[in-house]
Amino acid sequence: MANRTAAWNAKEDLLDLLATARTRPDREQVRDLLYRFYRRRADAGLPELQRLATTVETWWPEILAFLHTGITNAGSEGTNRVIKIVARDAYGFRDPVNQRLRTRCATTRRARGHLDAR
C-alpha cells in the first residue's frame, strides 16, 4: 500500500507542476515543485518512479518551455496520428492522388465536395 501511496503522490506532484503552465510560473515556483517531485521519488525508492524521474530529466528543456509558454505540439501530433490511421485503413490502395484526397478529407474541416485532386 505504501508503494501505491508514494506513486500516487509523485504523480500528483508532477501534475501540480504541469498545471502551472497556465499561470506563467516564476523560476522559484517551478524549482520548488520540481524539487518536491524529485524528493518524493527519492523517498519512495521505487524503480518505476526512478524511471519517471529520468524521463522528466531527459525532457526537462521541453517541459520547461511548455511551462513558460503554454505551447505544445499536440495539434501536429494529432494530425500525424490521423494521417497514419487513414494510410493504414487504405492498405493495398496504390493511387497517390486518392491517398492525398483521403488524407485531406480526414485532416481538414471542409466538406468532401470542396476538395480537388491537385
N, C-alpha and C. Protein backbone atom coordinates (compact mmCIF):
# COMPACT_ATOMS: atom_id res chain seq x y z
N MET A 1 0.82 -1.20 0.00
CA MET A 1 0.00 0.00 0.00
C MET A 1 0.86 1.26 0.00
N ALA A 2 2.01 1.19 0.68
CA ALA A 2 2.90 2.35 0.73
C ALA A 2 3.43 2.69 -0.65
N ASN A 3 3.67 1.65 -1.47
CA ASN A 3 4.15 1.90 -2.83
C ASN A 3 3.11 2.65 -3.65
N ARG A 4 1.86 2.25 -3.50
CA ARG A 4 0.79 2.93 -4.23
C ARG A 4 0.68 4.39 -3.80
N THR A 5 0.76 4.61 -2.52
CA THR A 5 0.67 5.98 -2.00
C THR A 5 1.82 6.83 -2.51
N ALA A 6 3.03 6.27 -2.50
CA ALA A 6 4.20 7.01 -2.99
C ALA A 6 4.06 7.32 -4.47
N ALA A 7 3.61 6.34 -5.25
CA ALA A 7 3.43 6.56 -6.68
C ALA A 7 2.35 7.61 -6.94
N TRP A 8 1.26 7.53 -6.19
CA TRP A 8 0.18 8.50 -6.37
C TRP A 8 0.65 9.90 -6.01
N ASN A 9 1.39 10.04 -4.91
CA ASN A 9 1.90 11.35 -4.51
C ASN A 9 2.86 11.92 -5.55
N ALA A 10 3.73 11.08 -6.11
CA ALA A 10 4.66 11.55 -7.14
C ALA A 10 3.90 12.00 -8.38
N LYS A 11 2.87 11.24 -8.75
CA LYS A 11 2.05 11.62 -9.90
C LYS A 11 1.37 12.96 -9.66
N GLU A 12 0.82 13.14 -8.48
CA GLU A 12 0.16 14.40 -8.15
C GLU A 12 1.15 15.57 -8.14
N ASP A 13 2.37 15.32 -7.66
CA ASP A 13 3.39 16.37 -7.68
C ASP A 13 3.71 16.78 -9.11
N LEU A 14 3.81 15.79 -10.00
CA LEU A 14 4.11 16.09 -11.40
C LEU A 14 2.94 16.83 -12.05
N LEU A 15 1.72 16.43 -11.74
CA LEU A 15 0.55 17.13 -12.29
C LEU A 15 0.46 18.56 -11.76
N ASP A 16 0.81 18.75 -10.49
CA ASP A 16 0.83 20.12 -9.94
C ASP A 16 1.83 20.98 -10.69
N LEU A 17 2.97 20.40 -11.01
CA LEU A 17 3.99 21.13 -11.77
C LEU A 17 3.47 21.50 -13.16
N LEU A 18 2.87 20.54 -13.85
CA LEU A 18 2.38 20.81 -15.21
C LEU A 18 1.19 21.77 -15.21
N ALA A 19 0.41 21.78 -14.14
CA ALA A 19 -0.76 22.66 -14.06
C ALA A 19 -0.36 24.13 -13.97
N THR A 20 0.88 24.41 -13.62
CA THR A 20 1.31 25.81 -13.53
C THR A 20 1.52 26.45 -14.90
N ALA A 21 1.44 25.67 -15.96
CA ALA A 21 1.68 26.20 -17.31
C ALA A 21 0.71 27.33 -17.65
N ARG A 22 -0.49 27.26 -17.17
CA ARG A 22 -1.49 28.28 -17.49
C ARG A 22 -1.35 29.53 -16.63
N THR A 23 -0.46 29.49 -15.63
CA THR A 23 -0.33 30.61 -14.70
C THR A 23 0.96 31.41 -14.88
N ARG A 24 1.76 31.06 -15.88
CA ARG A 24 3.04 31.74 -16.10
C ARG A 24 3.89 31.73 -14.82
N PRO A 25 4.36 30.55 -14.40
CA PRO A 25 5.07 30.44 -13.12
C PRO A 25 6.45 31.11 -13.17
N ASP A 26 6.91 31.54 -12.01
CA ASP A 26 8.28 32.06 -11.93
C ASP A 26 9.24 30.90 -11.64
N ARG A 27 10.53 31.18 -11.73
CA ARG A 27 11.54 30.12 -11.57
C ARG A 27 11.47 29.44 -10.21
N GLU A 28 11.22 30.22 -9.17
CA GLU A 28 11.19 29.65 -7.82
C GLU A 28 10.04 28.67 -7.66
N GLN A 29 8.90 29.02 -8.21
CA GLN A 29 7.74 28.13 -8.11
C GLN A 29 8.01 26.82 -8.84
N VAL A 30 8.56 26.90 -10.05
CA VAL A 30 8.89 25.70 -10.81
C VAL A 30 9.93 24.88 -10.07
N ARG A 31 10.95 25.54 -9.55
CA ARG A 31 12.01 24.84 -8.83
C ARG A 31 11.45 24.11 -7.61
N ASP A 32 10.59 24.78 -6.85
CA ASP A 32 10.03 24.16 -5.65
C ASP A 32 9.18 22.94 -5.98
N LEU A 33 8.36 23.04 -7.02
CA LEU A 33 7.51 21.91 -7.40
C LEU A 33 8.33 20.76 -7.95
N LEU A 34 9.36 21.07 -8.72
CA LEU A 34 10.22 20.01 -9.25
C LEU A 34 10.99 19.34 -8.12
N TYR A 35 11.47 20.13 -7.18
CA TYR A 35 12.19 19.57 -6.03
C TYR A 35 11.28 18.64 -5.23
N ARG A 36 10.03 19.05 -5.03
CA ARG A 36 9.08 18.21 -4.29
C ARG A 36 8.87 16.87 -5.01
N PHE A 37 8.75 16.92 -6.34
CA PHE A 37 8.59 15.68 -7.12
C PHE A 37 9.81 14.78 -6.95
N TYR A 38 11.01 15.34 -7.12
CA TYR A 38 12.23 14.53 -7.00
C TYR A 38 12.42 14.01 -5.57
N ARG A 39 12.08 14.79 -4.57
CA ARG A 39 12.24 14.36 -3.18
C ARG A 39 11.33 13.17 -2.89
N ARG A 40 10.09 13.25 -3.33
CA ARG A 40 9.17 12.13 -3.09
C ARG A 40 9.60 10.89 -3.86
N ARG A 41 10.14 11.11 -5.06
CA ARG A 41 10.63 9.98 -5.83
C ARG A 41 11.77 9.31 -5.09
N ALA A 42 12.70 10.08 -4.57
CA ALA A 42 13.85 9.53 -3.85
C ALA A 42 13.41 8.84 -2.56
N ASP A 43 12.45 9.42 -1.86
CA ASP A 43 11.98 8.83 -0.60
C ASP A 43 11.28 7.49 -0.84
N ALA A 44 10.60 7.35 -1.97
CA ALA A 44 9.85 6.13 -2.24
C ALA A 44 10.77 4.96 -2.58
N GLY A 45 11.84 5.23 -3.33
CA GLY A 45 12.76 4.16 -3.70
C GLY A 45 12.18 3.16 -4.69
N LEU A 46 11.17 3.54 -5.43
CA LEU A 46 10.57 2.64 -6.42
C LEU A 46 11.29 2.78 -7.76
N PRO A 47 11.61 1.65 -8.42
CA PRO A 47 12.28 1.74 -9.72
C PRO A 47 11.42 2.43 -10.79
N GLU A 48 10.11 2.27 -10.70
CA GLU A 48 9.22 2.92 -11.67
C GLU A 48 9.28 4.43 -11.54
N LEU A 49 9.35 4.91 -10.31
CA LEU A 49 9.46 6.36 -10.11
C LEU A 49 10.84 6.87 -10.51
N GLN A 50 11.86 6.04 -10.35
CA GLN A 50 13.20 6.42 -10.82
C GLN A 50 13.18 6.59 -12.34
N ARG A 51 12.51 5.66 -13.02
CA ARG A 51 12.40 5.76 -14.48
C ARG A 51 11.62 7.01 -14.89
N LEU A 52 10.54 7.31 -14.18
CA LEU A 52 9.76 8.52 -14.46
C LEU A 52 10.62 9.76 -14.26
N ALA A 53 11.38 9.79 -13.17
CA ALA A 53 12.24 10.94 -12.90
C ALA A 53 13.31 11.10 -13.98
N THR A 54 13.84 9.98 -14.48
CA THR A 54 14.82 10.03 -15.56
C THR A 54 14.18 10.59 -16.83
N THR A 55 12.96 10.18 -17.11
CA THR A 55 12.25 10.69 -18.28
C THR A 55 11.99 12.19 -18.15
N VAL A 56 11.57 12.63 -16.98
CA VAL A 56 11.34 14.06 -16.74
C VAL A 56 12.65 14.82 -16.94
N GLU A 57 13.74 14.28 -16.41
CA GLU A 57 15.03 14.95 -16.56
C GLU A 57 15.45 15.03 -18.02
N THR A 58 15.22 13.95 -18.78
CA THR A 58 15.58 13.94 -20.20
C THR A 58 14.80 14.99 -20.98
N TRP A 59 13.52 15.11 -20.68
CA TRP A 59 12.64 16.02 -21.41
C TRP A 59 12.52 17.38 -20.74
N TRP A 60 13.33 17.68 -19.73
CA TRP A 60 13.15 18.91 -18.97
C TRP A 60 13.18 20.18 -19.81
N PRO A 61 14.08 20.35 -20.78
CA PRO A 61 14.04 21.60 -21.58
C PRO A 61 12.69 21.81 -22.27
N GLU A 62 12.12 20.73 -22.81
CA GLU A 62 10.82 20.84 -23.47
C GLU A 62 9.71 21.11 -22.47
N ILE A 63 9.77 20.46 -21.31
CA ILE A 63 8.76 20.68 -20.27
C ILE A 63 8.83 22.12 -19.78
N LEU A 64 10.03 22.61 -19.57
CA LEU A 64 10.19 23.99 -19.10
C LEU A 64 9.67 24.99 -20.14
N ALA A 65 9.92 24.71 -21.42
CA ALA A 65 9.39 25.59 -22.47
C ALA A 65 7.86 25.60 -22.44
N PHE A 66 7.26 24.43 -22.23
CA PHE A 66 5.80 24.36 -22.11
C PHE A 66 5.31 25.16 -20.91
N LEU A 67 6.01 25.04 -19.78
CA LEU A 67 5.58 25.75 -18.58
C LEU A 67 5.62 27.26 -18.77
N HIS A 68 6.61 27.74 -19.51
CA HIS A 68 6.75 29.19 -19.69
C HIS A 68 5.89 29.75 -20.82
N THR A 69 5.61 28.93 -21.85
CA THR A 69 4.85 29.44 -22.99
C THR A 69 3.42 28.91 -23.06
N GLY A 70 3.19 27.71 -22.52
CA GLY A 70 1.88 27.08 -22.63
C GLY A 70 1.62 26.48 -24.00
N ILE A 71 2.64 26.43 -24.84
CA ILE A 71 2.50 25.93 -26.20
C ILE A 71 3.00 24.49 -26.27
N THR A 72 2.24 23.63 -26.96
CA THR A 72 2.65 22.24 -27.15
C THR A 72 2.58 21.90 -28.63
N ASN A 73 3.03 20.71 -28.97
CA ASN A 73 2.92 20.23 -30.34
C ASN A 73 1.77 19.23 -30.48
N ALA A 74 0.79 19.32 -29.59
CA ALA A 74 -0.32 18.37 -29.59
C ALA A 74 -1.11 18.40 -30.89
N GLY A 75 -1.29 19.58 -31.49
CA GLY A 75 -2.04 19.67 -32.74
C GLY A 75 -1.39 18.90 -33.87
N SER A 76 -0.09 19.08 -34.04
CA SER A 76 0.61 18.37 -35.11
C SER A 76 0.69 16.87 -34.82
N GLU A 77 0.84 16.50 -33.56
CA GLU A 77 0.86 15.07 -33.20
C GLU A 77 -0.49 14.43 -33.52
N GLY A 78 -1.58 15.13 -33.25
CA GLY A 78 -2.90 14.60 -33.55
C GLY A 78 -3.13 14.46 -35.05
N THR A 79 -2.68 15.45 -35.82
CA THR A 79 -2.81 15.37 -37.28
C THR A 79 -2.01 14.21 -37.83
N ASN A 80 -0.79 14.03 -37.35
CA ASN A 80 0.04 12.91 -37.81
C ASN A 80 -0.61 11.57 -37.47
N ARG A 81 -1.24 11.47 -36.31
CA ARG A 81 -1.92 10.24 -35.94
C ARG A 81 -3.07 9.95 -36.90
N VAL A 82 -3.85 10.97 -37.25
CA VAL A 82 -4.97 10.78 -38.18
C VAL A 82 -4.45 10.34 -39.55
N ILE A 83 -3.37 10.95 -40.02
CA ILE A 83 -2.80 10.59 -41.32
C ILE A 83 -2.36 9.13 -41.33
N LYS A 84 -1.72 8.68 -40.26
CA LYS A 84 -1.28 7.28 -40.19
C LYS A 84 -2.47 6.32 -40.16
N ILE A 85 -3.54 6.70 -39.47
CA ILE A 85 -4.73 5.85 -39.44
C ILE A 85 -5.36 5.76 -40.82
N VAL A 86 -5.45 6.88 -41.53
CA VAL A 86 -6.02 6.89 -42.88
C VAL A 86 -5.17 6.02 -43.80
N ALA A 87 -3.85 6.13 -43.70
CA ALA A 87 -2.96 5.32 -44.53
C ALA A 87 -3.13 3.84 -44.20
N ARG A 88 -3.28 3.51 -42.94
CA ARG A 88 -3.45 2.12 -42.54
C ARG A 88 -4.79 1.58 -43.04
N ASP A 89 -5.83 2.40 -42.99
CA ASP A 89 -7.14 1.97 -43.48
C ASP A 89 -7.15 1.76 -44.99
N ALA A 90 -6.26 2.45 -45.71
CA ALA A 90 -6.21 2.35 -47.17
C ALA A 90 -5.19 1.32 -47.62
N TYR A 91 -4.80 0.41 -46.76
CA TYR A 91 -3.79 -0.59 -47.10
C TYR A 91 -4.18 -1.33 -48.37
N GLY A 92 -3.26 -1.41 -49.31
CA GLY A 92 -3.50 -2.09 -50.57
C GLY A 92 -3.85 -1.16 -51.71
N PHE A 93 -4.32 0.03 -51.42
CA PHE A 93 -4.62 1.00 -52.47
C PHE A 93 -3.34 1.75 -52.82
N ARG A 94 -3.07 1.91 -54.11
CA ARG A 94 -1.80 2.48 -54.54
C ARG A 94 -1.92 3.83 -55.25
N ASP A 95 -3.10 4.39 -55.33
CA ASP A 95 -3.28 5.64 -56.06
C ASP A 95 -2.90 6.82 -55.16
N PRO A 96 -1.77 7.50 -55.44
CA PRO A 96 -1.33 8.60 -54.56
C PRO A 96 -2.30 9.78 -54.54
N VAL A 97 -2.98 10.04 -55.66
CA VAL A 97 -3.95 11.14 -55.69
C VAL A 97 -5.10 10.84 -54.74
N ASN A 98 -5.60 9.61 -54.79
CA ASN A 98 -6.69 9.23 -53.90
C ASN A 98 -6.22 9.26 -52.44
N GLN A 99 -5.00 8.81 -52.19
CA GLN A 99 -4.49 8.83 -50.82
C GLN A 99 -4.38 10.27 -50.30
N ARG A 100 -3.93 11.18 -51.16
CA ARG A 100 -3.83 12.58 -50.76
C ARG A 100 -5.22 13.15 -50.45
N LEU A 101 -6.21 12.81 -51.28
CA LEU A 101 -7.58 13.28 -51.03
C LEU A 101 -8.14 12.70 -49.72
N ARG A 102 -7.88 11.41 -49.50
CA ARG A 102 -8.36 10.79 -48.26
C ARG A 102 -7.73 11.47 -47.04
N THR A 103 -6.44 11.77 -47.14
CA THR A 103 -5.74 12.43 -46.03
C THR A 103 -6.29 13.83 -45.81
N ARG A 104 -6.49 14.58 -46.88
CA ARG A 104 -7.02 15.94 -46.74
C ARG A 104 -8.43 15.94 -46.17
N CYS A 105 -9.24 14.96 -46.60
CA CYS A 105 -10.60 14.88 -46.06
C CYS A 105 -10.58 14.59 -44.56
N ALA A 106 -9.65 13.77 -44.15
CA ALA A 106 -9.59 13.39 -42.73
C ALA A 106 -9.01 14.50 -41.86
N THR A 107 -8.18 15.37 -42.45
CA THR A 107 -7.48 16.35 -41.62
C THR A 107 -7.96 17.79 -41.81
N THR A 108 -8.95 18.01 -42.66
CA THR A 108 -9.49 19.35 -42.82
C THR A 108 -10.94 19.36 -42.37
N ARG A 109 -11.47 20.54 -42.19
CA ARG A 109 -12.86 20.66 -41.75
C ARG A 109 -13.80 20.95 -42.91
N ARG A 110 -13.23 21.00 -44.09
CA ARG A 110 -14.08 21.27 -45.26
C ARG A 110 -14.87 20.02 -45.66
N ALA A 111 -15.96 20.25 -46.35
CA ALA A 111 -16.75 19.12 -46.85
C ALA A 111 -16.00 18.44 -47.98
N ARG A 112 -16.24 17.17 -48.19
CA ARG A 112 -15.52 16.41 -49.21
C ARG A 112 -15.68 17.00 -50.61
N GLY A 113 -16.83 17.50 -50.93
CA GLY A 113 -17.07 18.01 -52.27
C GLY A 113 -16.25 19.23 -52.63
N HIS A 114 -15.61 19.86 -51.67
CA HIS A 114 -14.84 21.07 -51.92
C HIS A 114 -13.37 20.81 -52.20
N LEU A 115 -12.94 19.56 -52.15
CA LEU A 115 -11.53 19.25 -52.38
C LEU A 115 -11.31 18.88 -53.83
N ASP A 116 -10.21 19.34 -54.39
CA ASP A 116 -9.86 18.93 -55.74
C ASP A 116 -8.61 18.05 -55.67
N ALA A 117 -8.27 17.42 -56.78
CA ALA A 117 -7.19 16.42 -56.80
C ALA A 117 -5.83 17.02 -57.09
N ARG A 118 -5.62 18.29 -56.91
CA ARG A 118 -4.32 18.91 -57.19
C ARG A 118 -3.24 18.39 -56.34
